[in-house]
Amino acid sequence: MKKCLAILMSLLPITALAYPIEVQKQVDGVKLDYTAYDTAPDIGSIALNNYGQVPAACKVTFRNGPEAPRVRRINVPAGRSVDVTAKFNRQIIKLRIDVNCQAE
């Protein structure tokens, strides 16, 4: 019985799978960095960090296969961080995020 329980406990980490995230970044005149997260099976998020002295106007596009892309337009103040999320109707298999930012 202990062996069966040990085998079941060792298999638990295998069930927690995350989906891959690809990020394409295009920034013009700003010092911007990002961190992408797999928040939930149907929600993707990205944190944008502006390290520059100029605020940034950003357009973030989330793509999940055949579903319509989710577009978010945000402003990232200088020296600040902003979180951007998108919820999909289906479970995410592979998330593609395009980040386009320009100085304001």
PDB file of N, CA and C in Angstrom:
ATOM      1  N   MET A   1       0.822  -1.190   0.000  1.00  0.00           N
ATOM      2  CA  MET A   1       0.000   0.000   0.000  1.00  0.00           C
ATOM      3  C   MET A   1       0.874   1.265   0.000  1.00  0.00           C
ATOM      4  N   LYS A   2       1.944   1.250   0.781  1.00  0.00           N
ATOM      5  CA  LYS A   2       2.834   2.408   0.824  1.00  0.00           C
ATOM      6  C   LYS A   2       3.511   2.640  -0.521  1.00  0.00           C
ATOM      7  N   LYS A   3       3.854   1.557  -1.232  1.00  0.00           N
ATOM      8  CA  LYS A   3       4.487   1.696  -2.537  1.00  0.00           C
ATOM      9  C   LYS A   3       3.522   2.331  -3.538  1.00  0.00           C
ATOM     10  N   CYS A   4       2.264   1.913  -3.499  1.00  0.00           N
ATOM     11  CA  CYS A   4       1.267   2.496  -4.414  1.00  0.00           C
ATOM     12  C   CYS A   4       1.081   3.979  -4.131  1.00  0.00           C
ATOM     13  N   LEU A   5       1.036   4.337  -2.876  1.00  0.00           N
ATOM     14  CA  LEU A   5       0.872   5.739  -2.496  1.00  0.00           C
ATOM     15  C   LEU A   5       2.100   6.553  -2.921  1.00  0.00           C
ATOM     16  N   ALA A   6       3.279   5.993  -2.775  1.00  0.00           N
ATOM     17  CA  ALA A   6       4.502   6.679  -3.182  1.00  0.00           C
ATOM     18  C   ALA A   6       4.532   6.892  -4.695  1.00  0.00           C
ATOM     19  N   ILE A   7       4.081   5.910  -5.450  1.00  0.00           N
ATOM     20  CA  ILE A   7       4.052   6.048  -6.911  1.00  0.00           C
ATOM     21  C   ILE A   7       3.041   7.112  -7.319  1.00  0.00           C
ATOM     22  N   LEU A   8       1.875   7.119  -6.707  1.00  0.00           N
ATOM     23  CA  LEU A   8       0.868   8.129  -7.020  1.00  0.00           C
ATOM     24  C   LEU A   8       1.351   9.538  -6.672  1.00  0.00           C
ATOM     25  N   MET A   9       2.016   9.685  -5.565  1.00  0.00           N
ATOM     26  CA  MET A   9       2.526  10.997  -5.163  1.00  0.00           C
ATOM     27  C   MET A   9       3.628  11.477  -6.101  1.00  0.00           C
ATOM     28  N   SER A  10       4.426  10.547  -6.630  1.00  0.00           N
ATOM     29  CA  SER A  10       5.493  10.954  -7.547  1.00  0.00           C
ATOM     30  C   SER A  10       4.945  11.364  -8.913  1.00  0.00           C
ATOM     31  N   LEU A  11       3.748  10.927  -9.271  1.00  0.00           N
ATOM     32  CA  LEU A  11       3.152  11.278 -10.552  1.00  0.00           C
ATOM     33  C   LEU A  11       2.391  12.601 -10.509  1.00  0.00           C
ATOM     34  N   LEU A  12       2.132  13.142  -9.362  1.00  0.00           N
ATOM     35  CA  LEU A  12       1.375  14.379  -9.257  1.00  0.00           C
ATOM     36  C   LEU A  12       2.004  15.555  -9.994  1.00  0.00           C
ATOM     37  N   PRO A  13       3.301  15.808  -9.908  1.00  0.00           N
ATOM     38  CA  PRO A  13       3.860  16.945 -10.646  1.00  0.00           C
ATOM     39  C   PRO A  13       3.712  16.837 -12.158  1.00  0.00           C
ATOM     40  N   ILE A  14       3.570  15.649 -12.683  1.00  0.00           N
ATOM     41  CA  ILE A  14       3.418  15.469 -14.122  1.00  0.00           C
ATOM     42  C   ILE A  14       2.081  16.033 -14.604  1.00  0.00           C
ATOM     43  N   THR A  15       1.061  16.007 -13.782  1.00  0.00           N
ATOM     44  CA  THR A  15      -0.261  16.459 -14.202  1.00  0.00           C
ATOM     45  C   THR A  15      -0.353  17.975 -14.313  1.00  0.00           C
ATOM     46  N   ALA A  16       0.522  18.720 -13.682  1.00  0.00           N
ATOM     47  CA  ALA A  16       0.483  20.186 -13.736  1.00  0.00           C
ATOM     48  C   ALA A  16       1.316  20.661 -14.925  1.00  0.00           C
ATOM     49  N   LEU A  17       0.682  20.751 -16.087  1.00  0.00           N
ATOM     50  CA  LEU A  17       1.387  21.149 -17.298  1.00  0.00           C
ATOM     51  C   LEU A  17       1.071  22.599 -17.637  1.00  0.00           C
ATOM     52  N   ALA A  18       2.067  23.321 -18.071  1.00  0.00           N
ATOM     53  CA  ALA A  18       1.894  24.705 -18.499  1.00  0.00           C
ATOM     54  C   ALA A  18       1.979  24.741 -20.020  1.00  0.00           C
ATOM     55  N   TYR A  19       1.380  25.752 -20.605  1.00  0.00           N
ATOM     56  CA  TYR A  19       1.431  25.888 -22.051  1.00  0.00           C
ATOM     57  C   TYR A  19       2.606  26.786 -22.438  1.00  0.00           C
ATOM     58  N   PRO A  20       3.172  26.570 -23.644  1.00  0.00           N
ATOM     59  CA  PRO A  20       4.294  27.410 -24.082  1.00  0.00           C
ATOM     60  C   PRO A  20       3.811  28.800 -24.492  1.00  0.00           C
ATOM     61  N   ILE A  21       4.667  29.795 -24.270  1.00  0.00           N
ATOM     62  CA  ILE A  21       4.351  31.177 -24.600  1.00  0.00           C
ATOM     63  C   ILE A  21       5.480  31.733 -25.462  1.00  0.00           C
ATOM     64  N   GLU A  22       5.107  32.287 -26.624  1.00  0.00           N
ATOM     65  CA  GLU A  22       6.067  32.964 -27.505  1.00  0.00           C
ATOM     66  C   GLU A  22       5.761  34.455 -27.480  1.00  0.00           C
ATOM     67  N   VAL A  23       6.789  35.278 -27.320  1.00  0.00           N
ATOM     68  CA  VAL A  23       6.596  36.729 -27.279  1.00  0.00           C
ATOM     69  C   VAL A  23       7.460  37.375 -28.355  1.00  0.00           C
ATOM     70  N   GLN A  24       6.832  38.210 -29.181  1.00  0.00           N
ATOM     71  CA  GLN A  24       7.529  39.025 -30.172  1.00  0.00           C
ATOM     72  C   GLN A  24       7.462  40.466 -29.670  1.00  0.00           C
ATOM     73  N   LYS A  25       8.621  41.116 -29.533  1.00  0.00           N
ATOM     74  CA  LYS A  25       8.664  42.468 -28.967  1.00  0.00           C
ATOM     75  C   LYS A  25       9.240  43.440 -29.978  1.00  0.00           C
ATOM     76  N   GLN A  26       8.513  44.546 -30.217  1.00  0.00           N
ATOM     77  CA  GLN A  26       9.006  45.640 -31.050  1.00  0.00           C
ATOM     78  C   GLN A  26       8.826  46.924 -30.267  1.00  0.00           C
ATOM     79  N   VAL A  27       9.931  47.537 -29.901  1.00  0.00           N
ATOM     80  CA  VAL A  27       9.874  48.778 -29.121  1.00  0.00           C
ATOM     81  C   VAL A  27      10.666  49.854 -29.848  1.00  0.00           C
ATOM     82  N   ASP A  28      10.091  51.039 -29.900  1.00  0.00           N
ATOM     83  CA  ASP A  28      10.740  52.169 -30.561  1.00  0.00           C
ATOM     84  C   ASP A  28      10.891  53.310 -29.563  1.00  0.00           C
ATOM     85  N   GLY A  29      12.105  53.582 -29.136  1.00  0.00           N
ATOM     86  CA  GLY A  29      12.370  54.713 -28.271  1.00  0.00           C
ATOM     87  C   GLY A  29      12.056  54.513 -26.802  1.00  0.00           C
ATOM     88  N   VAL A  30      11.794  53.291 -26.362  1.00  0.00           N
ATOM     89  CA  VAL A  30      11.530  53.036 -24.942  1.00  0.00           C
ATOM     90  C   VAL A  30      12.356  51.847 -24.476  1.00  0.00           C
ATOM     91  N   LYS A  31      12.651  51.818 -23.191  1.00  0.00           N
ATOM     92  CA  LYS A  31      13.353  50.694 -22.581  1.00  0.00           C
ATOM     93  C   LYS A  31      12.306  49.849 -21.875  1.00  0.00           C
ATOM     94  N   LEU A  32      11.854  48.794 -22.561  1.00  0.00           N
ATOM     95  CA  LEU A  32      10.748  47.986 -22.057  1.00  0.00           C
ATOM     96  C   LEU A  32      11.173  46.530 -21.963  1.00  0.00           C
ATOM     97  N   ASP A  33      10.778  45.885 -20.884  1.00  0.00           N
ATOM     98  CA  ASP A  33      11.028  44.469 -20.678  1.00  0.00           C
ATOM     99  C   ASP A  33       9.696  43.818 -20.323  1.00  0.00           C
ATOM    100  N   TYR A  34       9.637  42.499 -20.407  1.00  0.00           N
ATOM    101  CA  TYR A  34       8.374  41.804 -20.136  1.00  0.00           C
ATOM    102  C   TYR A  34       8.614  40.517 -19.369  1.00  0.00           C
ATOM    103  N   THR A  35       7.550  40.019 -18.743  1.00  0.00           N
ATOM    104  CA  THR A  35       7.510  38.705 -18.124  1.00  0.00           C
ATOM    105  C   THR A  35       6.153  38.110 -18.443  1.00  0.00           C
ATOM    106  N   ALA A  36       6.113  36.967 -19.141  1.00  0.00           N
ATOM    107  CA  ALA A  36       4.857  36.325 -19.526  1.00  0.00           C
ATOM    108  C   ALA A  36       4.509  35.233 -18.516  1.00  0.00           C
ATOM    109  N   TYR A  37       3.214  35.096 -18.231  1.00  0.00           N
ATOM    110  CA  TYR A  37       2.725  34.129 -17.249  1.00  0.00           C
ATOM    111  C   TYR A  37       1.611  33.275 -17.844  1.00  0.00           C
ATOM    112  N   ASP A  38       1.534  32.028 -17.417  1.00  0.00           N
ATOM    113  CA  ASP A  38       0.384  31.178 -17.727  1.00  0.00           C
ATOM    114  C   ASP A  38      -0.506  31.160 -16.487  1.00  0.00           C
ATOM    115  N   THR A  39      -1.389  32.125 -16.393  1.00  0.00           N
ATOM    116  CA  THR A  39      -2.200  32.349 -15.208  1.00  0.00           C
ATOM    117  C   THR A  39      -3.175  31.205 -14.950  1.00  0.00           C
ATOM    118  N   ALA A  40      -3.916  30.806 -15.975  1.00  0.00           N
ATOM    119  CA  ALA A  40      -4.904  29.736 -15.885  1.00  0.00           C
ATOM    120  C   ALA A  40      -4.933  29.027 -17.235  1.00  0.00           C
ATOM    121  N   PRO A  41      -5.619  27.886 -17.338  1.00  0.00           N
ATOM    122  CA  PRO A  41      -5.653  27.180 -18.626  1.00  0.00           C
ATOM    123  C   PRO A  41      -6.274  27.982 -19.766  1.00  0.00           C
ATOM    124  N   ASP A  42      -7.108  28.982 -19.458  1.00  0.00           N
ATOM    125  CA  ASP A  42      -7.730  29.782 -20.513  1.00  0.00           C
ATOM    126  C   ASP A  42      -7.419  31.275 -20.402  1.00  0.00           C
ATOM    127  N   ILE A  43      -6.454  31.646 -19.561  1.00  0.00           N
ATOM    128  CA  ILE A  43      -6.080  33.050 -19.378  1.00  0.00           C
ATOM    129  C   ILE A  43      -4.566  33.193 -19.542  1.00  0.00           C
ATOM    130  N   GLY A  44      -4.167  34.149 -20.377  1.00  0.00           N
ATOM    131  CA  GLY A  44      -2.753  34.465 -20.543  1.00  0.00           C
ATOM    132  C   GLY A  44      -2.493  35.869 -20.043  1.00  0.00           C
ATOM    133  N   SER A  45      -1.309  36.118 -19.520  1.00  0.00           N
ATOM    134  CA  SER A  45      -0.991  37.461 -19.022  1.00  0.00           C
ATOM    135  C   SER A  45       0.478  37.768 -19.249  1.00  0.00           C
ATOM    136  N   ILE A  46       0.755  39.061 -19.283  1.00  0.00           N
ATOM    137  CA  ILE A  46       2.116  39.536 -19.464  1.00  0.00           C
ATOM    138  C   ILE A  46       2.287  40.799 -18.622  1.00  0.00           C
ATOM    139  N   ALA A  47       3.434  40.935 -17.994  1.00  0.00           N
ATOM    140  CA  ALA A  47       3.771  42.131 -17.224  1.00  0.00           C
ATOM    141  C   ALA A  47       4.786  42.934 -18.028  1.00  0.00           C
ATOM    142  N   LEU A  48       4.455  44.193 -18.299  1.00  0.00           N
ATOM    143  CA  LEU A  48       5.347  45.080 -19.042  1.00  0.00           C
ATOM    144  C   LEU A  48       6.016  46.035 -18.068  1.00  0.00           C
ATOM    145  N   ASN A  49       7.338  46.100 -18.104  1.00  0.00           N
ATOM    146  CA  ASN A  49       8.121  46.961 -17.225  1.00  0.00           C
ATOM    147  C   ASN A  49       8.816  48.027 -18.064  1.00  0.00           C
ATOM    148  N   ASN A  50       8.541  49.289 -17.766  1.00  0.00           N
ATOM    149  CA  ASN A  50       9.160  50.403 -18.485  1.00  0.00           C
ATOM    150  C   ASN A  50      10.303  50.936 -17.629  1.00  0.00           C
ATOM    151  N   TYR A  51      11.542  50.709 -18.079  1.00  0.00           N
ATOM    152  CA  TYR A  51      12.723  51.150 -17.338  1.00  0.00           C
ATOM    153  C   TYR A  51      13.238  52.504 -17.813  1.00  0.00           C
ATOM    154  N   GLY A  52      12.617  53.067 -18.834  1.00  0.00           N
ATOM    155  CA  GLY A  52      13.082  54.326 -19.402  1.00  0.00           C
ATOM    156  C   GLY A  52      12.526  55.546 -18.693  1.00  0.00           C
ATOM    157  N   GLN A  53      12.863  56.725 -19.238  1.00  0.00           N
ATOM    158  CA  GLN A  53      12.421  58.006 -18.694  1.00  0.00           C
ATOM    159  C   GLN A  53      11.190  58.538 -19.427  1.00  0.00           C
ATOM    160  N   VAL A  54      10.717  57.799 -20.439  1.00  0.00           N
ATOM    161  CA  VAL A  54       9.623  58.244 -21.289  1.00  0.00           C
ATOM    162  C   VAL A  54       8.458  57.260 -21.172  1.00  0.00           C
ATOM    163  N   PRO A  55       7.211  57.744 -21.067  1.00  0.00           N
ATOM    164  CA  PRO A  55       6.073  56.822 -21.057  1.00  0.00           C
ATOM    165  C   PRO A  55       5.926  56.124 -22.413  1.00  0.00           C
ATOM    166  N   ALA A  56       5.327  54.939 -22.404  1.00  0.00           N
ATOM    167  CA  ALA A  56       5.182  54.149 -23.619  1.00  0.00           C
ATOM    168  C   ALA A  56       3.707  53.871 -23.900  1.00  0.00           C
ATOM    169  N   ALA A  57       3.327  53.957 -25.183  1.00  0.00           N
ATOM    170  CA  ALA A  57       2.003  53.570 -25.645  1.00  0.00           C
ATOM    171  C   ALA A  57       2.153  52.209 -26.309  1.00  0.00           C
ATOM    172  N   CYS A  58       1.472  51.197 -25.758  1.00  0.00           N
ATOM    173  CA  CYS A  58       1.673  49.824 -26.223  1.00  0.00           C
ATOM    174  C   CYS A  58       0.388  49.201 -26.749  1.00  0.00           C
ATOM    175  N   LYS A  59       0.565  48.324 -27.726  1.00  0.00           N
ATOM    176  CA  LYS A  59      -0.512  47.495 -28.254  1.00  0.00           C
ATOM    177  C   LYS A  59      -0.065  46.053 -28.062  1.00  0.00           C
ATOM    178  N   VAL A  60      -0.831  45.286 -27.287  1.00  0.00           N
ATOM    179  CA  VAL A  60      -0.498  43.897 -26.983  1.00  0.00           C
ATOM    180  C   VAL A  60      -1.554  43.010 -27.634  1.00  0.00           C
ATOM    181  N   THR A  61      -1.118  42.052 -28.457  1.00  0.00           N
ATOM    182  CA  THR A  61      -2.021  41.140 -29.150  1.00  0.00           C
ATOM    183  C   THR A  61      -1.768  39.724 -28.660  1.00  0.00           C
ATOM    184  N   PHE A  62      -2.821  39.087 -28.141  1.00  0.00           N
ATOM    185  CA  PHE A  62      -2.757  37.704 -27.671  1.00  0.00           C
ATOM    186  C   PHE A  62      -3.384  36.811 -28.737  1.00  0.00           C
ATOM    187  N   ARG A  63      -2.689  35.728 -29.141  1.00  0.00           N
ATOM    188  CA  ARG A  63      -3.216  34.784 -30.132  1.00  0.00           C
ATOM    189  C   ARG A  63      -3.182  33.374 -29.561  1.00  0.00           C
ATOM    190  N   ASN A  64      -4.314  32.682 -29.724  1.00  0.00           N
ATOM    191  CA  ASN A  64      -4.433  31.299 -29.282  1.00  0.00           C
ATOM    192  C   ASN A  64      -5.085  30.488 -30.392  1.00  0.00           C
ATOM    193  N   GLY A  65      -4.312  30.103 -31.374  1.00  0.00           N
ATOM    194  CA  GLY A  65      -4.816  29.238 -32.434  1.00  0.00           C
ATOM    195  C   GLY A  65      -5.964  29.841 -33.224  1.00  0.00           C
ATOM    196  N   PRO A  66      -7.061  29.085 -33.382  1.00  0.00           N
ATOM    197  CA  PRO A  66      -8.141  29.524 -34.271  1.00  0.00           C
ATOM    198  C   PRO A  66      -9.031  30.632 -33.715  1.00  0.00           C
ATOM    199  N   GLU A  67      -8.928  30.948 -32.449  1.00  0.00           N
ATOM    200  CA  GLU A  67      -9.769  32.005 -31.874  1.00  0.00           C
ATOM    201  C   GLU A  67      -9.332  33.378 -32.364  1.00  0.00           C
ATOM    202  N   ALA A  68     -10.254  34.324 -32.305  1.00  0.00           N
ATOM    203  CA  ALA A  68      -9.944  35.698 -32.694  1.00  0.00           C
ATOM    204  C   ALA A  68      -8.900  36.268 -31.744  1.00  0.00           C
ATOM    205  N   PRO A  69      -7.927  37.022 -32.267  1.00  0.00           N
ATOM    206  CA  PRO A  69      -6.911  37.611 -31.401  1.00  0.00           C
ATOM    207  C   PRO A  69      -7.527  38.618 -30.434  1.00  0.00           C
ATOM    208  N   ARG A  70      -6.964  38.701 -29.247  1.00  0.00           N
ATOM    209  CA  ARG A  70      -7.392  39.669 -28.239  1.00  0.00           C
ATOM    210  C   ARG A  70      -6.378  40.804 -28.238  1.00  0.00           C
ATOM    211  N   VAL A  71      -6.834  42.020 -28.489  1.00  0.00           N
ATOM    212  CA  VAL A  71      -5.945  43.177 -28.575  1.00  0.00           C
ATOM    213  C   VAL A  71      -6.190  44.076 -27.369  1.00  0.00           C
ATOM    214  N   ARG A  72      -5.115  44.483 -26.705  1.00  0.00           N
ATOM    215  CA  ARG A  72      -5.191  45.395 -25.558  1.00  0.00           C
ATOM    216  C   ARG A  72      -4.265  46.574 -25.840  1.00  0.00           C
ATOM    217  N   ARG A  73      -4.778  47.779 -25.669  1.00  0.00           N
ATOM    218  CA  ARG A  73      -3.974  49.005 -25.825  1.00  0.00           C
ATOM    219  C   ARG A  73      -3.817  49.628 -24.448  1.00  0.00           C
ATOM    220  N   ILE A  74      -2.564  49.845 -24.066  1.00  0.00           N
ATOM    221  CA  ILE A  74      -2.294  50.368 -22.728  1.00  0.00           C
ATOM    222  C   ILE A  74      -1.171  51.394 -22.784  1.00  0.00           C
ATOM    223  N   ASN A  75      -1.107  52.196 -21.740  1.00  0.00           N
ATOM    224  CA  ASN A  75      -0.008  53.145 -21.548  1.00  0.00           C
ATOM    225  C   ASN A  75       0.792  52.691 -20.341  1.00  0.00           C
ATOM    226  N   VAL A  76       2.106  52.642 -20.513  1.00  0.00           N
ATOM    227  CA  VAL A  76       2.998  52.237 -19.423  1.00  0.00           C
ATOM    228  C   VAL A  76       3.794  53.469 -19.011  1.00  0.00           C
ATOM    229  N   PRO A  77       3.520  54.044 -17.826  1.00  0.00           N
ATOM    230  CA  PRO A  77       4.264  55.225 -17.379  1.00  0.00           C
ATOM    231  C   PRO A  77       5.748  54.909 -17.187  1.00  0.00           C
ATOM    232  N   ALA A  78       6.562  55.931 -17.247  1.00  0.00           N
ATOM    233  CA  ALA A  78       8.010  55.776 -17.070  1.00  0.00           C
ATOM    234  C   ALA A  78       8.309  55.239 -15.675  1.00  0.00           C
ATOM    235  N   GLY A  79       9.166  54.235 -15.604  1.00  0.00           N
ATOM    236  CA  GLY A  79       9.570  53.655 -14.335  1.00  0.00           C
ATOM    237  C   GLY A  79       8.509  52.805 -13.664  1.00  0.00           C
ATOM    238  N   ARG A  80       7.465  52.406 -14.371  1.00  0.00           N
ATOM    239  CA  ARG A  80       6.367  51.639 -13.782  1.00  0.00           C
ATOM    240  C   ARG A  80       6.186  50.305 -14.495  1.00  0.00           C
ATOM    241  N   SER A  81       5.308  49.477 -13.924  1.00  0.00           N
ATOM    242  CA  SER A  81       4.974  48.173 -14.478  1.00  0.00           C
ATOM    243  C   SER A  81       3.461  48.062 -14.632  1.00  0.00           C
ATOM    244  N   VAL A  82       3.020  47.392 -15.697  1.00  0.00           N
ATOM    245  CA  VAL A  82       1.593  47.208 -15.960  1.00  0.00           C
ATOM    246  C   VAL A  82       1.355  45.749 -16.338  1.00  0.00           C
ATOM    247  N   ASP A  83       0.295  45.156 -15.777  1.00  0.00           N
ATOM    248  CA  ASP A  83      -0.092  43.790 -16.120  1.00  0.00           C
ATOM    249  C   ASP A  83      -1.208  43.826 -17.150  1.00  0.00           C
ATOM    250  N   VAL A  84      -1.107  42.960 -18.159  1.00  0.00           N
ATOM    251  CA  VAL A  84      -2.103  42.861 -19.217  1.00  0.00           C
ATOM    252  C   VAL A  84      -2.539  41.402 -19.306  1.00  0.00           C
ATOM    253  N   THR A  85      -3.869  41.156 -19.342  1.00  0.00           N
ATOM    254  CA  THR A  85      -4.385  39.792 -19.407  1.00  0.00           C
ATOM    255  C   THR A  85      -5.390  39.655 -20.537  1.00  0.00           C
ATOM    256  N   ALA A  86      -5.601  38.408 -20.949  1.00  0.00           N
ATOM    257  CA  ALA A  86      -6.615  38.088 -21.953  1.00  0.00           C
ATOM    258  C   ALA A  86      -7.208  36.729 -21.617  1.00  0.00           C
ATOM    259  N   LYS A  87      -8.530  36.647 -21.672  1.00  0.00           N
ATOM    260  CA  LYS A  87      -9.234  35.394 -21.420  1.00  0.00           C
ATOM    261  C   LYS A  87      -9.767  34.851 -22.736  1.00  0.00           C
ATOM    262  N   PHE A  88      -9.602  33.559 -22.931  1.00  0.00           N
ATOM    263  CA  PHE A  88     -10.055  32.895 -24.145  1.00  0.00           C
ATOM    264  C   PHE A  88     -11.220  31.963 -23.831  1.00  0.00           C
ATOM    265  N   ASN A  89     -11.944  31.551 -24.869  1.00  0.00           N
ATOM    266  CA  ASN A  89     -13.077  30.647 -24.700  1.00  0.00           C
ATOM    267  C   ASN A  89     -12.651  29.199 -24.544  1.00  0.00           C
ATOM    268  N   ARG A  90     -11.478  28.868 -25.053  1.00  0.00           N
ATOM    269  CA  ARG A  90     -10.965  27.503 -24.994  1.00  0.00           C
ATOM    270  C   ARG A  90      -9.688  27.450 -24.169  1.00  0.00           C
ATOM    271  N   GLN A  91      -9.284  26.235 -23.855  1.00  0.00           N
ATOM    272  CA  GLN A  91      -8.015  26.051 -23.158  1.00  0.00           C
ATOM    273  C   GLN A  91      -6.876  26.415 -24.104  1.00  0.00           C
ATOM    274  N   ILE A  92      -5.886  27.103 -23.585  1.00  0.00           N
ATOM    275  CA  ILE A  92      -4.745  27.543 -24.386  1.00  0.00           C
ATOM    276  C   ILE A  92      -3.785  26.376 -24.580  1.00  0.00           C
ATOM    277  N   ILE A  93      -3.410  26.139 -25.834  1.00  0.00           N
ATOM    278  CA  ILE A  93      -2.424  25.108 -26.148  1.00  0.00           C
ATOM    279  C   ILE A  93      -1.054  25.750 -26.324  1.00  0.00           C
ATOM    280  N   LYS A  94      -1.025  26.848 -27.089  1.00  0.00           N
ATOM    281  CA  LYS A  94       0.203  27.623 -27.287  1.00  0.00           C
ATOM    282  C   LYS A  94      -0.199  29.081 -27.433  1.00  0.00           C
ATOM    283  N   LEU A  95       0.376  29.954 -26.639  1.00  0.00           N
ATOM    284  CA  LEU A  95       0.014  31.367 -26.642  1.00  0.00           C
ATOM    285  C   LEU A  95       1.105  32.173 -27.335  1.00  0.00           C
ATOM    286  N   ARG A  96       0.681  33.020 -28.276  1.00  0.00           N
ATOM    287  CA  ARG A  96       1.601  33.924 -28.960  1.00  0.00           C
ATOM    288  C   ARG A  96       1.212  35.346 -28.595  1.00  0.00           C
ATOM    289  N   ILE A  97       2.185  36.129 -28.145  1.00  0.00           N
ATOM    290  CA  ILE A  97       1.933  37.508 -27.726  1.00  0.00           C
ATOM    291  C   ILE A  97       2.825  38.431 -28.540  1.00  0.00           C
ATOM    292  N   ASP A  98       2.208  39.435 -29.173  1.00  0.00           N
ATOM    293  CA  ASP A  98       2.952  40.471 -29.898  1.00  0.00           C
ATOM    294  C   ASP A  98       2.870  41.752 -29.103  1.00  0.00           C
ATOM    295  N   VAL A  99       4.016  42.354 -28.798  1.00  0.00           N
ATOM    296  CA  VAL A  99       4.082  43.608 -28.037  1.00  0.00           C
ATOM    297  C   VAL A  99       4.692  44.677 -28.938  1.00  0.00           C
ATOM    298  N   ASN A 100       3.915  45.718 -29.234  1.00  0.00           N
ATOM    299  CA  ASN A 100       4.400  46.846 -30.035  1.00  0.00           C
ATOM    300  C   ASN A 100       4.279  48.107 -29.194  1.00  0.00           C
ATOM    301  N   CYS A 101       5.415  48.754 -28.902  1.00  0.00           N
ATOM    302  CA  CYS A 101       5.410  49.945 -28.050  1.00  0.00           C
ATOM    303  C   CYS A 101       6.178  51.070 -28.725  1.00  0.00           C
ATOM    304  N   GLN A 102       5.684  52.300 -28.493  1.00  0.00           N
ATOM    305  CA  GLN A 102       6.349  53.487 -28.988  1.00  0.00           C
ATOM    306  C   GLN A 102       6.364  54.533 -27.878  1.00  0.00           C
ATOM    307  N   ALA A 103       7.325  55.415 -27.931  1.00  0.00           N
ATOM    308  CA  ALA A 103       7.402  56.504 -26.958  1.00  0.00           C
ATOM    309  C   ALA A 103       6.235  57.469 -27.187  1.00  0.00           C
ATOM    310  N   GLU A 104       5.668  57.959 -26.105  1.00  0.00           N
ATOM    311  CA  GLU A 104       4.567  58.934 -26.222  1.00  0.00           C
ATOM    312  C   GLU A 104       5.094  60.322 -26.454  1.00  0.00           C
TER     313      GLU A 104
END
